[in-house]
């Protein structure tokens, strides 16, 4: 009996070896040894920590993409060596070499998964995010292999096309000339196909889809009955033309009752003026100036120029505005405010960032100039405070009218920009010219004389010395990938990864060529899904920032503390029925 069991076990072992041999033979015929080895190393590196916790899908994309790029580097390296040595092929790798690579791969992958779990736990504890489950890890493993295989096979498909072209060109050209021409043709055709067919077709489809989404919901929110709202009685623009986000913005204005209860004094009804993208014809060459003029005319119609504060709000692509930034202003001035804004795109922020950047600049410039012109036309003693604000792509457009900080200070009474993008020219310039000793993730510029950078409320007091009016504040978290992402991450280590890490970035985060770029790129997709105070979520510190910028008469630290937990970025309130009195 014992002999039969031993025979069965021996047969099973031999069968396993045969399966592994066939698998190894299949792999070695399809994939190169060096490419596999380098790809494996890159896959391991993709499991190192980044700025934000990621779910299975985006982690798998990073791991699969990193492994595929590593494989490509390994293949190109071998080809380059052969090319330099004028060899047609490389010597075959002994079977033992593949077994050694398999053993190292298994041990190394298990070790990196253990480290990955530790890093993920630390990062999720730091940000108060739920842990990954066992199922999540299984999904990461399976999807990483799927993406890796797909990316490598796509690359092999491109290589087949190149070889096919070379074979045809060799009939009329020397082999090396054929290779150069073939590669150039494939690159050129790929770019043309992507730009001319894929991108154009996709953009047309998305514009159509998102424009429909922008029109939807007009009946979900009632037409305003107040003349102090765009789309309401006497408005110069139709309610339906405001777009979905415009209607949300106008509807979310704070009520007189709640403002009065909070401040303990009779409030004024806040003004919200807005013009949507559909308020001007798409064929109009000066479309954004036309929309901006309509928004400014709405501001004038509602009497906004006679309020204590006029705020120009730059939006993200769809016209979205962080309600915490708008609502906080209305509470600080007990409703004696007018906020004006406009829509310049149907696309969501991340798409607008890729294809509508110039439109964001044009809209930001046009809106501020239209409002500034009307404010300047008033007598000196009757002009309201003029401020600008915006988040993310809104901060990008909000900077547009100003060439420098000096220009911003000269033309406004204050500015609040949260979550600036790596394309914000003024923010980038101020960061690069920061005072010696201040970190890139939280710079100090000219000893904080007119501008300050803050991740938390207490950062507004850094440096401790007094600062002058007008004031500008940039709210930015060390873990926000929107400002950290850049193509330079591919091959250049940024200062924020050379210096001591920010408070919400793990000390173990380090720069790895190519891999860090992929990691931060994936972080972009989850930047807004982390709690306030991390990533691209800005709410509570907004109150402290506005209080520091404007120092409203009668506003106190106690009011700041009460207002902070009440706000959110969507409706302006976390608990609509629990607004404190007095």
Protein backbone atom coordinates (compact mmCIF):
# COMPACT_ATOMS: atom_id res chain seq x y z
CA UNK A 1 0.00 0.00 0.00
CA UNK A 2 2.79 2.36 0.93
CA UNK A 3 4.57 1.58 -2.34
CA UNK A 4 1.49 2.53 -4.39
CA UNK A 5 1.23 5.83 -2.55
CA UNK A 6 4.89 6.51 -3.25
CA UNK A 7 4.36 5.62 -6.91
CA UNK A 8 1.41 8.01 -7.15
CA UNK A 9 3.40 10.79 -5.48
CA UNK A 10 6.38 10.18 -7.78
CA UNK A 11 4.14 10.18 -10.84
CA UNK A 12 2.50 13.42 -9.71
CA UNK A 13 5.91 15.02 -9.21
CA UNK A 14 7.07 13.92 -12.64
CA UNK A 15 3.86 15.23 -14.18
CA UNK A 16 4.38 18.61 -12.49
CA UNK A 17 7.93 18.79 -13.82
CA UNK A 18 6.72 18.00 -17.34
CA UNK A 19 4.07 20.75 -17.11
CA UNK A 20 6.65 23.24 -15.87
CA UNK A 21 9.04 22.19 -18.63
CA UNK A 22 6.37 22.74 -21.28
CA UNK A 23 5.48 26.10 -19.76
CA UNK A 24 9.12 27.11 -19.68
CA UNK A 25 9.64 26.00 -23.28
CA UNK A 26 6.54 27.91 -24.39
CA UNK A 27 7.67 31.05 -22.54
CA UNK A 28 11.29 30.87 -23.73
CA UNK A 29 10.15 30.57 -27.36
CA UNK A 30 7.85 33.59 -27.10
CA UNK A 31 9.71 35.87 -24.71
CA UNK A 32 13.35 36.73 -24.14
CA UNK A 33 15.27 35.90 -20.98
CA UNK A 34 16.66 39.40 -20.47
CA UNK A 35 13.32 41.05 -21.20
CA UNK A 36 11.60 38.78 -18.68
CA UNK A 37 14.24 39.47 -16.03
CA UNK A 38 14.16 43.25 -16.43
CA UNK A 39 10.34 43.23 -16.65
CA UNK A 40 10.19 41.29 -13.40
CA UNK A 41 12.37 43.88 -11.67
CA UNK A 42 10.17 46.72 -12.94
CA UNK A 43 7.06 44.88 -11.76
CA UNK A 44 8.59 44.62 -8.28
CA UNK A 45 9.44 48.31 -8.30
CA UNK A 46 5.83 49.16 -9.18
CA UNK A 47 4.82 47.80 -5.77
CA UNK A 48 6.84 50.44 -3.93
CA UNK A 49 4.80 53.19 -2.21
CA UNK A 50 3.50 56.29 -3.96
CA UNK A 51 1.52 59.37 -2.92
CA UNK A 52 -1.94 57.83 -2.52
CA UNK A 53 -3.53 54.44 -1.80
CA UNK A 54 -4.76 52.79 -4.98
CA UNK A 55 -7.35 50.11 -5.62
CA UNK A 56 -6.84 46.91 -7.65
CA UNK A 57 -7.51 48.41 -11.08
CA UNK A 58 -5.02 51.27 -10.99
CA UNK A 59 -2.37 49.28 -9.12
CA UNK A 60 -2.69 46.57 -11.79
CA UNK A 61 -2.31 49.12 -14.56
CA UNK A 62 0.86 50.47 -12.91
CA UNK A 63 2.29 46.99 -12.35
CA UNK A 64 1.38 45.69 -15.80
CA UNK A 65 2.63 48.84 -17.50
CA UNK A 66 5.87 48.86 -15.49
CA UNK A 67 6.52 45.20 -16.26
CA UNK A 68 5.89 45.76 -19.97
CA UNK A 69 8.23 48.77 -20.08
CA UNK A 70 10.87 46.74 -18.25
CA UNK A 71 10.47 43.95 -20.79
CA UNK A 72 10.87 46.47 -23.61
CA UNK A 73 14.04 47.87 -22.04
CA UNK A 74 15.48 44.38 -21.71
CA UNK A 75 14.68 43.49 -25.33
CA UNK A 76 16.10 46.76 -26.66
CA UNK A 77 19.25 46.35 -24.56
CA UNK A 78 19.90 42.89 -26.02
CA UNK A 79 19.19 44.14 -29.54
CA UNK A 80 21.55 47.07 -29.04
CA UNK A 81 24.36 44.78 -27.87
CA UNK A 82 23.83 42.52 -30.89
CA UNK A 83 23.73 45.53 -33.17
CA UNK A 84 26.99 46.89 -31.77
CA UNK A 85 28.63 43.46 -32.15
CA UNK A 86 27.13 42.90 -35.63
CA UNK A 87 25.54 39.65 -34.45
CA UNK A 88 22.31 38.28 -35.90
CA UNK A 89 21.30 36.43 -32.73
CA UNK A 90 22.20 35.91 -29.08
CA UNK A 91 23.39 32.59 -27.60
CA UNK A 92 20.51 30.59 -26.09
CA UNK A 93 20.03 30.72 -22.33
CA UNK A 94 20.60 27.34 -20.62
CA UNK A 95 17.52 25.67 -19.17
CA UNK A 96 19.01 26.06 -15.71
CA UNK A 97 19.03 29.81 -16.22
CA UNK A 98 15.27 29.86 -16.65
CA UNK A 99 14.82 27.72 -13.52
CA UNK A 100 17.01 30.11 -11.54
CA UNK A 101 15.01 33.07 -12.85
CA UNK A 102 11.76 31.32 -11.88
CA UNK A 103 13.01 30.68 -8.34
CA UNK A 104 14.22 34.26 -7.94
CA UNK A 105 10.96 35.53 -9.41
CA UNK A 106 8.80 33.59 -6.96
CA UNK A 107 10.88 34.54 -3.92
CA UNK A 108 11.23 38.18 -4.97
CA UNK A 109 7.53 38.57 -5.79
CA UNK A 110 6.44 37.09 -2.46
CA UNK A 111 8.84 39.42 -0.66
CA UNK A 112 7.63 42.49 -2.55
CA UNK A 113 3.98 41.62 -1.91
CA UNK A 114 4.75 41.49 1.82
CA UNK A 115 6.43 44.90 1.64
CA UNK A 116 3.58 46.22 -0.51
CA UNK A 117 1.07 45.16 2.14
CA UNK A 118 3.11 46.92 4.83
CA UNK A 119 3.38 50.13 2.81
CA UNK A 120 -0.30 50.08 1.90
CA UNK A 121 -1.25 49.61 5.56
CA UNK A 122 0.95 52.50 6.65
CA UNK A 123 -0.40 54.77 3.92
CA UNK A 124 -4.04 53.87 4.58
CA UNK A 125 -3.55 54.41 8.32
CA UNK A 126 -2.02 57.81 7.58
CA UNK A 127 -5.02 58.89 5.50
CA UNK A 128 -7.79 57.01 7.28
CA UNK A 129 -8.66 54.83 4.29
CA UNK A 130 -9.97 51.24 4.43
CA UNK A 131 -7.44 48.42 3.99
CA UNK A 132 -7.19 46.24 0.90
CA UNK A 133 -8.92 42.87 1.26
CA UNK A 134 -7.69 39.42 0.28
CA UNK A 135 -9.92 39.60 -2.80
CA UNK A 136 -8.30 42.93 -3.72
CA UNK A 137 -4.88 41.27 -3.68
CA UNK A 138 -6.14 38.44 -5.87
CA UNK A 139 -7.53 40.99 -8.34
CA UNK A 140 -4.23 42.87 -8.38
CA UNK A 141 -2.35 39.64 -9.14
CA UNK A 142 -4.68 38.52 -11.94
CA UNK A 143 -5.17 41.94 -13.54
CA UNK A 144 -1.45 42.75 -13.41
CA UNK A 145 -0.70 39.60 -15.42
CA UNK A 146 -3.50 40.39 -17.87
CA UNK A 147 -2.31 43.97 -18.44
CA UNK A 148 1.33 42.89 -18.64
CA UNK A 149 0.51 40.27 -21.26
CA UNK A 150 -1.67 42.69 -23.24
CA UNK A 151 0.95 45.46 -23.26
CA UNK A 152 3.77 43.08 -24.24
CA UNK A 153 1.70 41.49 -26.99
CA UNK A 154 0.80 44.95 -28.29
CA UNK A 155 4.50 45.77 -28.42
CA UNK A 156 5.21 42.52 -30.24
CA UNK A 157 2.51 43.40 -32.74
CA UNK A 158 4.24 46.71 -33.44
CA UNK A 159 7.56 44.87 -33.81
CA UNK A 160 5.98 42.49 -36.35
CA UNK A 161 4.78 45.46 -38.41
CA UNK A 162 8.26 47.00 -38.29
CA UNK A 163 9.87 43.73 -39.42
CA UNK A 164 7.32 43.35 -42.21
CA UNK A 165 8.15 46.84 -43.47
CA UNK A 166 11.88 46.21 -43.23
CA UNK A 167 11.55 43.03 -45.29
CA UNK A 168 9.81 44.97 -48.08
CA UNK A 169 12.17 47.94 -47.91
CA UNK A 170 15.23 45.69 -48.04
CA UNK A 171 14.42 45.06 -51.70
CA UNK A 172 15.32 48.65 -52.54
CA UNK A 173 17.37 49.90 -49.54
CA UNK A 174 20.31 48.74 -47.45
CA UNK A 175 19.13 46.88 -44.30
CA UNK A 176 20.06 49.62 -41.82
CA UNK A 177 18.41 52.31 -43.91
CA UNK A 178 15.32 50.10 -44.17
CA UNK A 179 15.21 49.76 -40.38
CA UNK A 180 15.35 53.53 -39.83
CA UNK A 181 12.65 54.20 -42.43
CA UNK A 182 10.39 51.44 -41.08
CA UNK A 183 10.58 52.68 -37.49
CA UNK A 184 9.98 56.28 -38.58
CA UNK A 185 6.95 55.23 -40.63
CA UNK A 186 5.40 53.26 -37.78
CA UNK A 187 5.91 56.11 -35.29
CA UNK A 188 4.53 58.70 -37.73
CA UNK A 189 1.50 56.60 -38.69
CA UNK A 190 0.76 55.77 -35.05
CA UNK A 191 0.74 59.44 -34.08
CA UNK A 192 -1.40 60.37 -37.07
CA UNK A 193 -3.89 57.59 -36.42
CA UNK A 194 -4.18 58.41 -32.74
CA UNK A 195 -4.43 62.16 -33.24
CA UNK A 196 -6.46 62.13 -36.42
CA UNK A 197 -8.85 59.26 -35.90
CA UNK A 198 -8.90 58.01 -32.33
CA UNK A 199 -8.57 61.31 -30.49
CA UNK A 200 -10.77 63.34 -32.84
CA UNK A 201 -13.45 60.68 -32.90
CA UNK A 202 -13.28 60.19 -29.16
CA UNK A 203 -13.39 63.92 -28.47
CA UNK A 204 -16.40 64.39 -30.75
CA UNK A 205 -18.20 61.54 -29.02
CA UNK A 206 -17.31 62.78 -25.54
CA UNK A 207 -18.28 66.35 -26.32
CA UNK A 208 -21.65 65.13 -27.54
CA UNK A 209 -22.16 62.90 -24.51
CA UNK A 210 -21.05 65.47 -21.96
CA UNK A 211 -23.01 68.27 -23.60
CA UNK A 212 -26.13 66.15 -23.20
CA UNK A 213 -25.22 65.53 -19.57
CA UNK A 214 -24.76 69.27 -19.09
CA UNK A 215 -28.29 69.95 -20.39
CA UNK A 216 -29.86 67.23 -18.24
CA UNK A 217 -31.26 68.02 -14.84
CA UNK A 218 -32.69 71.46 -15.62
CA UNK A 219 -35.96 70.29 -14.11
CA UNK A 220 -34.25 68.65 -11.12
CA UNK A 221 -33.58 72.03 -9.57
CA UNK A 222 -36.37 74.61 -9.59
CA UNK A 223 -35.89 77.84 -11.50
CA UNK A 224 -34.79 80.49 -8.98
CA UNK A 225 -37.49 82.84 -7.75
CA UNK A 226 -34.91 85.40 -6.63
CA UNK A 227 -33.69 88.18 -8.91
CA UNK A 228 -30.28 87.76 -7.25
CA UNK A 229 -29.72 84.48 -9.14
CA UNK A 230 -28.87 83.94 -12.78
CA UNK A 231 -31.74 82.16 -14.50
CA UNK A 232 -34.24 83.79 -12.12
CA UNK A 233 -36.64 86.73 -12.66
CA UNK A 234 -35.17 89.37 -14.96
CA UNK A 235 -32.12 87.26 -15.75
CA UNK A 236 -30.27 87.89 -19.00
CA UNK A 237 -29.55 84.15 -19.40
CA UNK A 238 -31.90 81.17 -19.50
CA UNK A 239 -31.89 78.68 -16.63
CA UNK A 240 -31.36 75.76 -19.01
CA UNK A 241 -28.33 77.44 -20.63
CA UNK A 242 -26.34 77.47 -17.38
CA UNK A 243 -25.39 73.81 -17.68
CA UNK A 244 -25.69 71.25 -14.90
CA UNK A 245 -22.85 72.60 -12.75
CA UNK A 246 -23.95 76.19 -13.29
CA UNK A 247 -27.43 75.37 -12.02
CA UNK A 248 -25.91 73.57 -9.03
CA UNK A 249 -23.72 76.58 -8.25
CA UNK A 250 -26.58 79.09 -8.47
CA UNK A 251 -28.93 76.88 -6.40
CA UNK A 252 -26.40 76.35 -3.62
CA UNK A 253 -26.22 79.98 -2.52
CA UNK A 254 -26.62 80.25 1.24
CA UNK A 255 -30.01 81.38 2.53
CA UNK A 256 -30.64 84.56 4.46
CA UNK A 257 -32.11 82.55 7.36
CA UNK A 258 -29.03 80.38 7.80
CA UNK A 259 -26.60 83.28 7.41
CA UNK A 260 -28.54 85.31 9.96
CA UNK A 261 -28.64 82.40 12.41
CA UNK A 262 -24.92 81.76 12.08
CA UNK A 263 -23.77 85.37 12.44
CA UNK A 264 -26.44 86.52 14.86
CA UNK A 265 -27.22 89.57 12.70
CA UNK A 266 -29.63 90.26 9.80
CA UNK A 267 -28.09 88.91 6.58
CA UNK A 268 -28.25 90.05 2.97
CA UNK A 269 -29.23 87.63 0.23
CA UNK A 270 -26.04 86.56 -1.58
CA UNK A 271 -25.71 87.11 -5.33
CA UNK A 272 -24.60 84.37 -7.69
CA UNK A 273 -24.15 85.28 -11.35
CA UNK A 274 -23.30 82.69 -13.98
CA UNK A 275 -23.26 82.19 -17.75
CA UNK A 276 -23.13 78.75 -19.38
CA UNK A 277 -21.36 77.59 -22.51
CA UNK A 278 -24.67 77.40 -24.39
CA UNK A 279 -25.37 81.08 -23.84
CA UNK A 280 -23.16 81.78 -26.87
CA UNK A 281 -23.02 80.15 -30.29
CA UNK A 282 -20.25 77.58 -30.82
CA UNK A 283 -19.29 79.25 -34.10
CA UNK A 284 -18.59 82.59 -32.43
CA UNK A 285 -14.82 83.29 -32.75
CA UNK A 286 -15.02 85.38 -29.56
CA UNK A 287 -17.21 82.89 -27.73
CA UNK A 288 -15.51 83.08 -24.33
CA UNK A 289 -15.45 86.86 -24.32
CA UNK A 290 -19.15 86.81 -25.18
CA UNK A 291 -19.95 84.40 -22.33
CA UNK A 292 -17.78 86.41 -19.94
CA UNK A 293 -19.60 89.63 -20.87
CA UNK A 294 -22.94 87.96 -20.21
CA UNK A 295 -21.77 86.74 -16.81
CA UNK A 296 -20.47 90.22 -15.94
CA UNK A 297 -23.71 91.77 -17.18
CA UNK A 298 -25.59 89.39 -14.86
CA UNK A 299 -23.37 90.57 -12.02
CA UNK A 300 -24.24 94.16 -12.84
CA UNK A 301 -27.96 93.43 -13.26
CA UNK A 302 -28.22 91.85 -9.81
CA UNK A 303 -26.49 94.79 -8.14
CA UNK A 304 -23.40 92.76 -7.39
CA UNK A 305 -21.08 95.70 -7.98
CA UNK A 306 -22.51 97.33 -4.85
CA UNK A 307 -21.75 94.43 -2.54
CA UNK A 308 -18.80 94.42 -0.13
CA UNK A 309 -17.06 91.63 -2.02
CA UNK A 310 -17.13 90.61 -5.67
CA UNK A 311 -15.54 87.22 -6.23
CA UNK A 312 -14.52 85.94 -9.66
CA UNK A 313 -14.67 82.14 -9.54
CA UNK A 314 -12.72 80.21 -12.17
CA UNK A 315 -14.24 76.79 -12.83
CA UNK A 316 -13.07 73.35 -13.81
CA UNK A 317 -14.02 71.97 -17.22
CA UNK A 318 -17.73 71.34 -16.69
CA UNK A 319 -18.19 74.57 -14.76
CA UNK A 320 -17.78 73.03 -11.29
CA UNK A 321 -16.89 75.26 -8.34
CA UNK A 322 -15.82 74.10 -4.88
CA UNK A 323 -18.84 75.05 -2.78
CA UNK A 324 -16.74 75.33 0.36
CA UNK A 325 -14.84 78.24 -1.19
CA UNK A 326 -18.01 80.02 -2.31
CA UNK A 327 -20.08 79.33 0.80
CA UNK A 328 -17.34 80.39 3.23
CA UNK A 329 -17.22 83.84 1.62
CA UNK A 330 -20.95 84.25 1.97
CA UNK A 331 -20.83 83.36 5.65
CA UNK A 332 -17.89 85.66 6.37
CA UNK A 333 -19.67 88.69 4.90
CA UNK A 334 -23.15 87.63 6.03
CA UNK A 335 -24.36 87.43 2.44
CA UNK A 336 -23.06 90.84 1.32
CA UNK A 337 -21.22 89.17 -1.55
CA UNK A 338 -21.54 88.58 -5.28
CA UNK A 339 -19.86 85.57 -6.90
CA UNK A 340 -19.61 85.46 -10.67
CA UNK A 341 -18.47 82.60 -12.87
CA UNK A 342 -18.83 80.97 -16.29
CA UNK A 343 -18.60 77.62 -18.06
CA UNK A 344 -16.09 77.06 -20.86
CA UNK A 345 -16.33 73.31 -21.55
CA UNK A 346 -18.61 70.29 -21.42
CA UNK A 347 -15.73 67.98 -20.50
CA UNK A 348 -14.80 66.93 -16.96
CA UNK A 349 -11.71 68.49 -15.39
CA UNK A 350 -9.18 65.78 -16.25
CA UNK A 351 -10.20 65.79 -19.92
CA UNK A 352 -10.28 69.58 -20.05
CA UNK A 353 -6.80 69.58 -18.58
CA UNK A 354 -5.60 67.52 -21.53
CA UNK A 355 -7.45 69.22 -24.38
CA UNK A 356 -9.03 72.45 -23.10
CA UNK A 357 -6.12 74.16 -21.33
CA UNK A 358 -6.11 77.11 -23.69
CA UNK A 359 -9.86 77.45 -23.29
CA UNK A 360 -9.42 77.55 -19.51
CA UNK A 361 -6.87 80.34 -19.88
CA UNK A 362 -9.03 82.27 -22.35
CA UNK A 363 -12.13 81.97 -20.15
CA UNK A 364 -10.27 82.97 -16.99
CA UNK A 365 -8.77 85.99 -18.69
CA UNK A 366 -12.04 87.06 -20.32
CA UNK A 367 -14.14 86.77 -17.16
CA UNK A 368 -11.78 88.70 -14.92
CA UNK A 369 -11.30 91.47 -17.48
CA UNK A 370 -15.06 91.82 -17.97
CA UNK A 371 -15.65 92.13 -14.22
CA UNK A 372 -12.58 94.27 -13.52
CA UNK A 373 -13.68 96.74 -16.20
CA UNK A 374 -17.00 97.27 -14.43
CA UNK A 375 -15.43 97.56 -10.98
CA UNK A 376 -12.92 100.15 -12.19
CA UNK A 377 -15.73 102.22 -13.69
CA UNK A 378 -17.04 102.88 -10.18
CA UNK A 379 -15.80 105.82 -8.07
CA UNK A 380 -12.85 104.92 -5.84
CA UNK A 381 -14.78 105.03 -2.59
CA UNK A 382 -17.61 102.86 -3.92
CA UNK A 383 -15.67 99.93 -5.29
CA UNK A 384 -16.16 96.50 -3.71
CA UNK A 385 -13.29 94.23 -2.76
CA UNK A 386 -12.38 92.21 -5.83
CA UNK A 387 -11.07 88.67 -5.23
CA UNK A 388 -10.45 85.60 -7.38
CA UNK A 389 -10.54 81.93 -6.51
CA UNK A 390 -10.52 78.50 -8.10
CA UNK A 391 -9.58 74.89 -7.51
CA UNK A 392 -7.47 72.61 -9.68
CA UNK A 393 -8.07 73.62 -13.31
CA UNK A 394 -9.97 76.55 -11.84
CA UNK A 395 -6.76 77.76 -10.20
CA UNK A 396 -5.06 77.40 -13.57
CA UNK A 397 -7.67 79.61 -15.24
CA UNK A 398 -7.80 81.92 -12.23
CA UNK A 399 -4.12 82.77 -12.66
CA UNK A 400 -4.57 83.57 -16.35
CA UNK A 401 -5.19 87.35 -16.10
CA UNK A 402 -2.02 87.90 -14.08
CA UNK A 403 1.53 87.75 -15.37
CA UNK A 404 3.06 87.73 -11.91
CA UNK A 405 2.33 87.95 -8.20
CA UNK A 406 2.94 91.70 -8.34
CA UNK A 407 0.25 92.01 -11.01
CA UNK A 408 -2.16 89.91 -8.95
CA UNK A 409 -1.52 92.07 -5.89
CA UNK A 410 -1.95 95.26 -7.90
CA UNK A 411 -5.25 94.23 -9.52
CA UNK A 412 -7.10 92.35 -6.77
CA UNK A 413 -7.84 92.43 -3.06
CA UNK A 414 -6.93 88.77 -2.62
CA UNK A 415 -6.82 85.33 -4.19
CA UNK A 416 -7.39 81.75 -3.09
CA UNK A 417 -6.10 78.96 -5.32
CA UNK A 418 -6.43 75.37 -4.10
CA UNK A 419 -4.91 72.26 -5.62
CA UNK A 420 -2.81 74.06 -8.28
CA UNK A 421 -1.77 72.01 -11.31
CA UNK A 422 1.79 71.52 -12.50
CA UNK A 423 0.90 73.82 -15.43
CA UNK A 424 0.04 76.82 -13.21
CA UNK A 425 2.76 79.14 -14.48
CA UNK A 426 2.69 81.63 -11.62
CA UNK A 427 2.59 78.90 -8.97
CA UNK A 428 5.47 77.05 -10.62
CA UNK A 429 7.53 80.23 -10.82
CA UNK A 430 6.89 81.14 -7.17
CA UNK A 431 7.79 77.60 -6.11
CA UNK A 432 11.01 77.58 -8.12
CA UNK A 433 12.00 80.97 -6.69
CA UNK A 434 11.13 80.00 -3.10
CA UNK A 435 13.24 81.12 -0.16
CA UNK A 436 16.25 78.95 0.59
CA UNK A 437 15.51 76.20 3.07
CA UNK A 438 11.79 75.96 2.37
CA UNK A 439 10.63 72.68 0.78
CA UNK A 440 9.06 72.38 -2.64
CA UNK A 441 5.89 70.83 -1.19
CA UNK A 442 5.38 73.87 1.08
CA UNK A 443 7.49 76.80 -0.12
CA UNK A 444 7.98 80.24 1.40
CA UNK A 445 8.25 83.09 -1.09
CA UNK A 446 9.83 86.42 -0.12
CA UNK A 447 9.26 85.64 3.56
CA UNK A 448 5.51 85.33 2.99
CA UNK A 449 5.07 89.06 2.33
CA UNK A 450 2.01 88.69 0.07
CA UNK A 451 1.60 85.00 -0.71
CA UNK A 452 1.56 81.92 1.47
CA UNK A 453 1.32 78.21 0.82
CA UNK A 454 -0.62 75.97 3.19
CA UNK A 455 -1.45 72.31 3.57
CA UNK A 456 -3.08 72.89 6.97
CA UNK A 457 -4.53 75.95 8.69
CA UNK A 458 -1.45 76.42 10.88
CA UNK A 459 0.76 76.75 7.81
CA UNK A 460 -0.77 80.19 7.16
CA UNK A 461 1.30 81.47 10.09
CA UNK A 462 4.54 80.41 8.37
CA UNK A 463 6.61 82.51 8.52
CA UNK A 464 5.58 84.04 11.85
CA UNK A 465 6.12 87.63 10.77
CA UNK A 466 3.10 89.77 9.66
CA UNK A 467 2.22 89.88 5.98
CA UNK A 468 0.83 92.64 3.80
CA UNK A 469 -2.45 93.15 1.94
CA UNK A 470 -3.53 92.15 -0.66
CA UNK A 471 -2.87 88.50 0.11
CA UNK A 472 -2.86 85.32 -1.93
CA UNK A 473 -3.00 81.76 -0.59
CA UNK A 474 -2.25 78.48 -2.34
CA UNK A 475 -3.75 75.46 -0.60
CA UNK A 476 -1.73 72.40 -1.52
CA UNK A 477 -1.18 68.99 0.04
CA UNK A 478 2.14 67.21 -0.19
CA UNK A 479 0.21 64.11 -1.34
CA UNK A 480 -1.71 65.90 -4.12
CA UNK A 481 -0.54 64.37 -7.44
CA UNK A 482 -2.20 67.14 -9.49
CA UNK A 483 0.69 69.46 -8.68
CA UNK A 484 3.37 66.76 -8.43
CA UNK A 485 2.76 65.07 -11.78
CA UNK A 486 5.02 66.10 -14.65
CA UNK A 487 6.60 64.39 -17.68
CA UNK A 488 9.93 65.27 -16.03
CA UNK A 489 9.24 62.50 -13.49
CA UNK A 490 10.19 60.00 -16.17
CA UNK A 491 13.92 60.67 -15.92
CA UNK A 492 14.42 63.49 -13.43
CA UNK A 493 14.12 63.40 -9.63
CA UNK A 494 12.02 66.33 -8.37
CA UNK A 495 12.92 68.37 -5.32
CA UNK A 496 9.95 67.02 -3.33
CA UNK A 497 11.55 63.56 -3.55
CA UNK A 498 14.99 64.89 -2.65
CA UNK A 499 13.86 66.78 0.43
CA UNK A 500 12.21 65.52 3.60
CA UNK A 501 8.76 64.20 2.72
CA UNK A 502 5.60 66.14 3.52
CA UNK A 503 3.44 65.16 6.52
CA UNK A 504 1.03 63.00 4.49
CA UNK A 505 3.65 61.30 2.34
CA UNK A 506 5.41 58.14 3.54
CA UNK A 507 9.12 58.55 4.17
CA UNK A 508 9.64 55.37 2.13
CA UNK A 509 8.39 57.02 -1.07
CA UNK A 510 11.33 57.39 -3.43
CA UNK A 511 12.02 58.28 -7.04
CA UNK A 512 12.45 55.45 -9.54
CA UNK A 513 12.93 56.38 -13.22
CA UNK A 514 9.81 55.66 -15.32
CA UNK A 515 8.08 53.79 -12.46
CA UNK A 516 7.44 56.91 -10.35
CA UNK A 517 5.93 58.60 -13.39
CA UNK A 518 3.51 55.69 -13.84
CA UNK A 519 2.67 55.62 -10.13
CA UNK A 520 1.91 59.34 -9.90
CA UNK A 521 -0.06 59.10 -13.16
CA UNK A 522 -2.27 56.45 -11.55
CA UNK A 523 -2.53 58.62 -8.42
CA UNK A 524 -4.17 61.32 -10.57
CA UNK A 525 -7.19 59.07 -11.07
CA UNK A 526 -7.79 58.64 -7.32
CA UNK A 527 -6.67 62.11 -6.19
CA UNK A 528 -10.15 63.19 -5.13
CA UNK A 529 -11.18 59.93 -3.43
CA UNK A 530 -9.20 60.42 -0.21
CA UNK A 531 -10.36 62.28 2.93
CA UNK A 532 -10.09 66.04 3.29
CA UNK A 533 -6.56 67.18 4.07
CA UNK A 534 -4.98 64.70 1.65
CA UNK A 535 -4.66 64.31 -2.09
CA UNK A 536 -6.85 66.68 -4.09
CA UNK A 537 -9.57 67.25 -1.47
CA UNK A 538 -9.75 70.79 -0.08
CA UNK A 539 -12.53 71.81 2.30
CA UNK A 540 -11.85 72.70 5.92
CA UNK A 541 -8.70 74.78 5.41
CA UNK A 542 -10.66 76.98 2.98
CA UNK A 543 -12.28 78.87 5.87
CA UNK A 544 -8.92 79.65 7.48
CA UNK A 545 -7.49 80.70 4.12
CA UNK A 546 -10.28 83.21 3.35
CA UNK A 547 -10.11 84.55 6.91
CA UNK A 548 -6.37 85.14 6.52
CA UNK A 549 -6.70 86.69 3.05
CA UNK A 550 -9.54 89.14 3.79
CA UNK A 551 -9.71 89.45 7.59
CA UNK A 552 -13.47 90.25 7.40
CA UNK A 553 -14.72 92.80 9.94
CA UNK A 554 -16.24 91.07 12.97
CA UNK A 555 -15.05 87.65 11.93
CA UNK A 556 -13.50 85.64 14.78
CA UNK A 557 -11.46 82.49 15.28
CA UNK A 558 -14.50 81.03 17.05
CA UNK A 559 -16.60 81.50 13.91
CA UNK A 560 -13.87 79.90 11.81
CA UNK A 561 -13.89 76.86 14.11
CA UNK A 562 -17.70 76.60 13.89
CA UNK A 563 -17.85 76.97 10.12
CA UNK A 564 -15.04 74.52 9.30
CA UNK A 565 -16.90 71.24 9.94
CA UNK A 566 -20.08 72.50 8.31
CA UNK A 567 -18.74 72.83 4.79
CA UNK A 568 -18.22 70.40 1.95
CA UNK A 569 -17.18 70.85 -1.65
CA UNK A 570 -20.49 69.82 -3.30
CA UNK A 571 -23.40 71.52 -1.54
CA UNK A 572 -21.57 73.68 0.95
CA UNK A 573 -22.87 71.72 3.93
CA UNK A 574 -22.34 68.32 5.53
CA UNK A 575 -25.42 68.53 7.76
CA UNK A 576 -28.08 70.82 6.23
CA UNK A 577 -30.35 70.52 9.27
CA UNK A 578 -27.67 71.06 11.88
CA UNK A 579 -26.42 74.57 11.22
CA UNK A 580 -25.51 76.17 14.53
CA UNK A 581 -27.25 79.32 15.66
CA UNK A 582 -25.75 82.50 17.01
